[in-house]
Amino acid sequence: MLKGLQNFKEMARVQVNIGVTCQFWKDKWGVEILQNRFSQAFSFAKDKQVNVRKAFNIDNVIELFNLPLSQIAFQQARRYIKRWKHVTGMNWKRMYGHTQHKAPSTELEKHT
């Protein structure tokens, strides 16, 4: 049954709306499930059940992770930050009521 749910989650896309019922790491709310795409970074996630709204309302992306990160997790987190900057550049506040965020990769580098 759980295998079927995972297969369904990989095929279906979640509509985010305000983001409280959409899991940031485990639901497909973008192109792919972040847990699958960034598995090493996910392994350092502070809250593996965090919803999209909460994840986008943090002050800095570093707050999503337990530090220090492994080298692989760090590289994945940097790739995510590049995507994240692109998404937040689309003005999430206007679209979903979220605030704009700062996610400088130099801040992440301080914690590896």
N, C-alpha and C. Protein backbone atom coordinates (compact mmCIF):
# COMPACT_ATOMS: atom_id res chain seq x y z
N MET A 1 0.82 -1.20 0.00
CA MET A 1 0.00 0.00 0.00
C MET A 1 0.86 1.26 0.00
N LEU A 2 1.91 1.27 0.85
CA LEU A 2 2.78 2.44 0.90
C LEU A 2 3.54 2.63 -0.41
N LYS A 3 3.91 1.53 -1.06
CA LYS A 3 4.58 1.62 -2.35
C LYS A 3 3.66 2.28 -3.38
N GLY A 4 2.39 1.93 -3.34
CA GLY A 4 1.42 2.55 -4.23
C GLY A 4 1.27 4.03 -3.97
N LEU A 5 1.31 4.44 -2.70
CA LEU A 5 1.21 5.85 -2.35
C LEU A 5 2.43 6.60 -2.87
N GLN A 6 3.61 6.02 -2.73
CA GLN A 6 4.83 6.66 -3.23
C GLN A 6 4.77 6.81 -4.75
N ASN A 7 4.30 5.78 -5.45
CA ASN A 7 4.16 5.86 -6.91
C ASN A 7 3.18 6.96 -7.30
N PHE A 8 2.07 7.06 -6.57
CA PHE A 8 1.08 8.10 -6.83
C PHE A 8 1.69 9.49 -6.61
N LYS A 9 2.42 9.66 -5.50
CA LYS A 9 3.04 10.96 -5.19
C LYS A 9 4.03 11.39 -6.27
N GLU A 10 4.70 10.42 -6.88
CA GLU A 10 5.66 10.75 -7.93
C GLU A 10 4.97 11.18 -9.22
N MET A 11 3.75 10.70 -9.45
CA MET A 11 3.02 11.05 -10.68
C MET A 11 2.16 12.30 -10.51
N ALA A 12 1.58 12.48 -9.34
CA ALA A 12 0.64 13.59 -9.11
C ALA A 12 1.39 14.83 -8.63
N ARG A 13 0.86 15.98 -8.96
CA ARG A 13 1.42 17.25 -8.48
C ARG A 13 0.43 17.87 -7.51
N VAL A 14 0.95 18.32 -6.38
CA VAL A 14 0.13 18.96 -5.35
C VAL A 14 -0.08 20.42 -5.70
N GLN A 15 -1.30 20.91 -5.51
CA GLN A 15 -1.56 22.33 -5.66
C GLN A 15 -1.24 22.99 -4.33
N VAL A 16 -0.30 23.90 -4.30
CA VAL A 16 0.23 24.45 -3.06
C VAL A 16 -0.78 25.32 -2.32
N ASN A 17 -1.50 26.18 -3.01
CA ASN A 17 -2.38 27.16 -2.38
C ASN A 17 -1.60 27.92 -1.31
N ILE A 18 -1.99 27.84 -0.02
CA ILE A 18 -1.24 28.56 1.01
C ILE A 18 -0.14 27.71 1.62
N GLY A 19 -0.03 26.46 1.22
CA GLY A 19 1.10 25.62 1.58
C GLY A 19 1.06 24.89 2.90
N VAL A 20 -0.05 24.95 3.63
CA VAL A 20 -0.08 24.30 4.95
C VAL A 20 -0.31 22.80 4.87
N THR A 21 -0.89 22.30 3.79
CA THR A 21 -1.13 20.86 3.68
C THR A 21 -0.18 20.18 2.70
N CYS A 22 0.75 20.92 2.17
CA CYS A 22 1.72 20.40 1.21
C CYS A 22 3.07 20.25 1.90
N GLN A 23 3.61 19.04 1.90
CA GLN A 23 4.91 18.81 2.52
C GLN A 23 6.03 19.27 1.60
N PHE A 24 6.90 20.09 2.15
CA PHE A 24 8.01 20.68 1.40
C PHE A 24 8.92 19.63 0.79
N TRP A 25 9.34 18.64 1.56
CA TRP A 25 10.28 17.63 1.11
C TRP A 25 9.62 16.46 0.39
N LYS A 26 8.42 16.08 0.80
CA LYS A 26 7.85 14.79 0.40
C LYS A 26 6.75 14.84 -0.65
N ASP A 27 6.21 16.00 -0.94
CA ASP A 27 5.17 16.12 -1.96
C ASP A 27 5.74 16.71 -3.24
N LYS A 28 5.15 16.37 -4.35
CA LYS A 28 5.56 16.92 -5.65
C LYS A 28 4.76 18.20 -5.88
N TRP A 29 5.31 19.32 -5.45
CA TRP A 29 4.65 20.61 -5.62
C TRP A 29 5.37 21.44 -6.68
N GLY A 30 6.50 20.97 -7.12
CA GLY A 30 7.26 21.61 -8.19
C GLY A 30 7.44 20.61 -9.31
N VAL A 31 8.62 20.56 -9.85
CA VAL A 31 8.92 19.64 -10.94
C VAL A 31 9.08 18.22 -10.44
N GLU A 32 9.65 18.08 -9.25
CA GLU A 32 9.88 16.75 -8.69
C GLU A 32 9.85 16.81 -7.17
N ILE A 33 9.86 15.66 -6.54
CA ILE A 33 9.86 15.57 -5.08
C ILE A 33 11.26 15.89 -4.58
N LEU A 34 11.39 16.91 -3.73
CA LEU A 34 12.70 17.35 -3.27
C LEU A 34 13.45 16.25 -2.51
N GLN A 35 12.74 15.45 -1.75
CA GLN A 35 13.37 14.35 -1.01
C GLN A 35 14.11 13.42 -1.95
N ASN A 36 13.56 13.16 -3.12
CA ASN A 36 14.19 12.27 -4.10
C ASN A 36 15.34 12.97 -4.82
N ARG A 37 15.14 14.20 -5.21
CA ARG A 37 16.13 14.95 -5.99
C ARG A 37 17.35 15.31 -5.15
N PHE A 38 17.12 15.66 -3.88
CA PHE A 38 18.19 16.11 -2.99
C PHE A 38 18.25 15.21 -1.76
N SER A 39 18.45 13.92 -1.97
CA SER A 39 18.35 12.93 -0.88
C SER A 39 19.36 13.16 0.23
N GLN A 40 20.57 13.55 -0.10
CA GLN A 40 21.57 13.80 0.94
C GLN A 40 21.22 15.05 1.74
N ALA A 41 20.80 16.10 1.07
CA ALA A 41 20.37 17.31 1.78
C ALA A 41 19.17 16.99 2.67
N PHE A 42 18.25 16.20 2.14
CA PHE A 42 17.07 15.79 2.92
C PHE A 42 17.48 15.06 4.19
N SER A 43 18.54 14.25 4.12
CA SER A 43 18.97 13.50 5.30
C SER A 43 19.43 14.42 6.43
N PHE A 44 19.76 15.68 6.13
CA PHE A 44 20.15 16.65 7.14
C PHE A 44 19.01 17.60 7.51
N ALA A 45 17.83 17.38 6.96
CA ALA A 45 16.68 18.26 7.23
C ALA A 45 16.31 18.22 8.71
N LYS A 46 16.10 19.40 9.29
CA LYS A 46 15.68 19.47 10.69
C LYS A 46 14.28 18.90 10.86
N ASP A 47 13.40 19.25 9.94
CA ASP A 47 12.00 18.81 10.01
C ASP A 47 11.64 18.18 8.67
N LYS A 48 11.62 16.88 8.63
CA LYS A 48 11.34 16.17 7.39
C LYS A 48 9.87 16.25 6.98
N GLN A 49 9.01 16.72 7.87
CA GLN A 49 7.58 16.86 7.61
C GLN A 49 7.17 18.32 7.38
N VAL A 50 8.12 19.25 7.32
CA VAL A 50 7.80 20.67 7.22
C VAL A 50 6.92 20.93 5.99
N ASN A 51 5.94 21.82 6.16
CA ASN A 51 5.09 22.16 5.02
C ASN A 51 5.73 23.30 4.20
N VAL A 52 5.23 23.51 3.01
CA VAL A 52 5.78 24.51 2.09
C VAL A 52 5.71 25.90 2.69
N ARG A 53 4.60 26.24 3.29
CA ARG A 53 4.46 27.59 3.85
C ARG A 53 5.52 27.86 4.91
N LYS A 54 5.70 26.92 5.82
CA LYS A 54 6.69 27.10 6.89
C LYS A 54 8.10 27.19 6.31
N ALA A 55 8.41 26.33 5.33
CA ALA A 55 9.74 26.33 4.71
C ALA A 55 10.03 27.66 4.03
N PHE A 56 9.02 28.26 3.40
CA PHE A 56 9.24 29.52 2.70
C PHE A 56 9.13 30.73 3.61
N ASN A 57 8.74 30.54 4.85
CA ASN A 57 8.66 31.65 5.79
C ASN A 57 9.84 31.70 6.75
N ILE A 58 10.85 30.87 6.54
CA ILE A 58 12.05 30.96 7.36
C ILE A 58 12.88 32.14 6.90
N ASP A 59 13.74 32.64 7.77
CA ASP A 59 14.58 33.78 7.41
C ASP A 59 15.70 33.40 6.46
N ASN A 60 16.21 32.18 6.59
CA ASN A 60 17.32 31.76 5.74
C ASN A 60 17.21 30.26 5.52
N VAL A 61 17.51 29.82 4.33
CA VAL A 61 17.41 28.41 3.97
C VAL A 61 18.24 27.51 4.88
N ILE A 62 19.28 28.04 5.47
CA ILE A 62 20.13 27.27 6.39
C ILE A 62 19.31 26.69 7.53
N GLU A 63 18.26 27.38 7.92
CA GLU A 63 17.42 26.93 9.04
C GLU A 63 16.71 25.61 8.75
N LEU A 64 16.68 25.18 7.51
CA LEU A 64 16.07 23.90 7.16
C LEU A 64 16.94 22.71 7.55
N PHE A 65 18.23 22.94 7.78
CA PHE A 65 19.18 21.84 7.93
C PHE A 65 19.84 21.77 9.30
N ASN A 66 20.16 20.53 9.70
CA ASN A 66 21.05 20.29 10.83
C ASN A 66 22.47 20.46 10.30
N LEU A 67 23.26 21.23 10.99
CA LEU A 67 24.62 21.52 10.53
C LEU A 67 25.64 20.83 11.42
N PRO A 68 26.82 20.56 10.93
CA PRO A 68 27.34 20.83 9.58
C PRO A 68 26.83 19.82 8.57
N LEU A 69 26.84 20.22 7.32
CA LEU A 69 26.41 19.35 6.23
C LEU A 69 27.58 18.54 5.69
N SER A 70 27.30 17.37 5.16
CA SER A 70 28.32 16.62 4.44
C SER A 70 28.60 17.36 3.14
N GLN A 71 29.69 17.02 2.48
CA GLN A 71 30.04 17.67 1.22
C GLN A 71 28.95 17.47 0.16
N ILE A 72 28.43 16.25 0.06
CA ILE A 72 27.37 15.97 -0.92
C ILE A 72 26.11 16.75 -0.59
N ALA A 73 25.72 16.75 0.68
CA ALA A 73 24.53 17.49 1.10
C ALA A 73 24.71 18.98 0.84
N PHE A 74 25.91 19.49 1.07
CA PHE A 74 26.21 20.89 0.81
C PHE A 74 26.02 21.22 -0.66
N GLN A 75 26.55 20.37 -1.56
CA GLN A 75 26.41 20.60 -2.99
C GLN A 75 24.93 20.56 -3.41
N GLN A 76 24.18 19.62 -2.86
CA GLN A 76 22.75 19.54 -3.17
C GLN A 76 22.02 20.77 -2.66
N ALA A 77 22.37 21.21 -1.46
CA ALA A 77 21.72 22.40 -0.89
C ALA A 77 22.02 23.62 -1.75
N ARG A 78 23.24 23.74 -2.24
CA ARG A 78 23.58 24.86 -3.13
C ARG A 78 22.77 24.82 -4.41
N ARG A 79 22.60 23.62 -4.99
CA ARG A 79 21.77 23.49 -6.20
C ARG A 79 20.33 23.90 -5.88
N TYR A 80 19.84 23.48 -4.72
CA TYR A 80 18.48 23.85 -4.33
C TYR A 80 18.36 25.36 -4.18
N ILE A 81 19.36 25.98 -3.55
CA ILE A 81 19.32 27.44 -3.34
C ILE A 81 19.20 28.16 -4.67
N LYS A 82 19.92 27.70 -5.68
CA LYS A 82 19.81 28.34 -7.00
C LYS A 82 18.38 28.25 -7.52
N ARG A 83 17.77 27.08 -7.37
CA ARG A 83 16.36 26.93 -7.78
C ARG A 83 15.46 27.79 -6.91
N TRP A 84 15.74 27.80 -5.62
CA TRP A 84 14.92 28.54 -4.65
C TRP A 84 14.94 30.02 -4.95
N LYS A 85 16.11 30.56 -5.28
CA LYS A 85 16.21 31.98 -5.63
C LYS A 85 15.35 32.27 -6.86
N HIS A 86 15.35 31.35 -7.82
CA HIS A 86 14.53 31.52 -9.02
C HIS A 86 13.05 31.55 -8.66
N VAL A 87 12.62 30.62 -7.81
CA VAL A 87 11.21 30.55 -7.41
C VAL A 87 10.82 31.78 -6.61
N THR A 88 11.64 32.17 -5.63
CA THR A 88 11.29 33.33 -4.82
C THR A 88 11.35 34.60 -5.64
N GLY A 89 12.14 34.58 -6.71
CA GLY A 89 12.18 35.72 -7.62
C GLY A 89 10.85 35.91 -8.33
N MET A 90 10.00 34.88 -8.33
CA MET A 90 8.69 34.97 -8.96
C MET A 90 7.67 35.61 -8.02
N ASN A 91 8.15 36.12 -6.88
CA ASN A 91 7.32 36.82 -5.91
C ASN A 91 6.30 35.91 -5.25
N TRP A 92 6.79 35.01 -4.41
CA TRP A 92 5.92 34.10 -3.66
C TRP A 92 4.94 34.86 -2.79
N LYS A 93 5.35 36.01 -2.26
CA LYS A 93 4.45 36.77 -1.38
C LYS A 93 3.17 37.13 -2.12
N ARG A 94 3.32 37.60 -3.33
CA ARG A 94 2.15 37.97 -4.11
C ARG A 94 1.32 36.74 -4.48
N MET A 95 2.01 35.63 -4.81
CA MET A 95 1.30 34.44 -5.25
C MET A 95 0.64 33.67 -4.11
N TYR A 96 1.36 33.52 -2.98
CA TYR A 96 0.87 32.64 -1.93
C TYR A 96 0.82 33.28 -0.55
N GLY A 97 1.11 34.57 -0.44
CA GLY A 97 1.09 35.22 0.86
C GLY A 97 2.36 34.98 1.66
N HIS A 98 3.40 34.47 1.03
CA HIS A 98 4.66 34.22 1.72
C HIS A 98 5.53 35.47 1.66
N THR A 99 6.51 35.53 2.53
CA THR A 99 7.44 36.64 2.52
C THR A 99 8.61 36.33 1.61
N GLN A 100 9.31 37.36 1.18
CA GLN A 100 10.53 37.17 0.41
C GLN A 100 11.65 36.77 1.36
N HIS A 101 12.62 36.02 0.88
CA HIS A 101 13.68 35.49 1.72
C HIS A 101 15.05 35.80 1.15
N LYS A 102 16.02 35.73 2.04
CA LYS A 102 17.40 35.82 1.62
C LYS A 102 17.99 34.43 1.76
N ALA A 103 18.75 33.99 0.76
CA ALA A 103 19.38 32.67 0.85
C ALA A 103 20.75 32.69 0.21
N PRO A 104 21.62 33.54 0.72
CA PRO A 104 22.93 33.62 0.08
C PRO A 104 23.70 32.33 0.27
N SER A 105 24.31 31.85 -0.81
CA SER A 105 25.09 30.62 -0.70
C SER A 105 26.30 30.83 0.19
N THR A 106 26.76 32.07 0.33
CA THR A 106 27.90 32.32 1.21
C THR A 106 27.53 32.04 2.66
N GLU A 107 26.29 32.27 3.04
CA GLU A 107 25.84 31.94 4.39
C GLU A 107 25.88 30.43 4.60
N LEU A 108 25.47 29.69 3.62
CA LEU A 108 25.50 28.23 3.71
C LEU A 108 26.93 27.74 3.82
N GLU A 109 27.82 28.34 3.05
CA GLU A 109 29.22 27.94 3.08
C GLU A 109 29.85 28.11 4.44
N LYS A 110 29.38 29.06 5.22
CA LYS A 110 29.92 29.28 6.57
C LYS A 110 29.64 28.10 7.48
N HIS A 111 28.64 27.28 7.15
CA HIS A 111 28.19 26.23 8.04
C HIS A 111 28.55 24.82 7.57
N THR A 112 29.50 24.70 6.67
CA THR A 112 29.90 23.36 6.22
C THR A 112 31.22 22.96 6.83
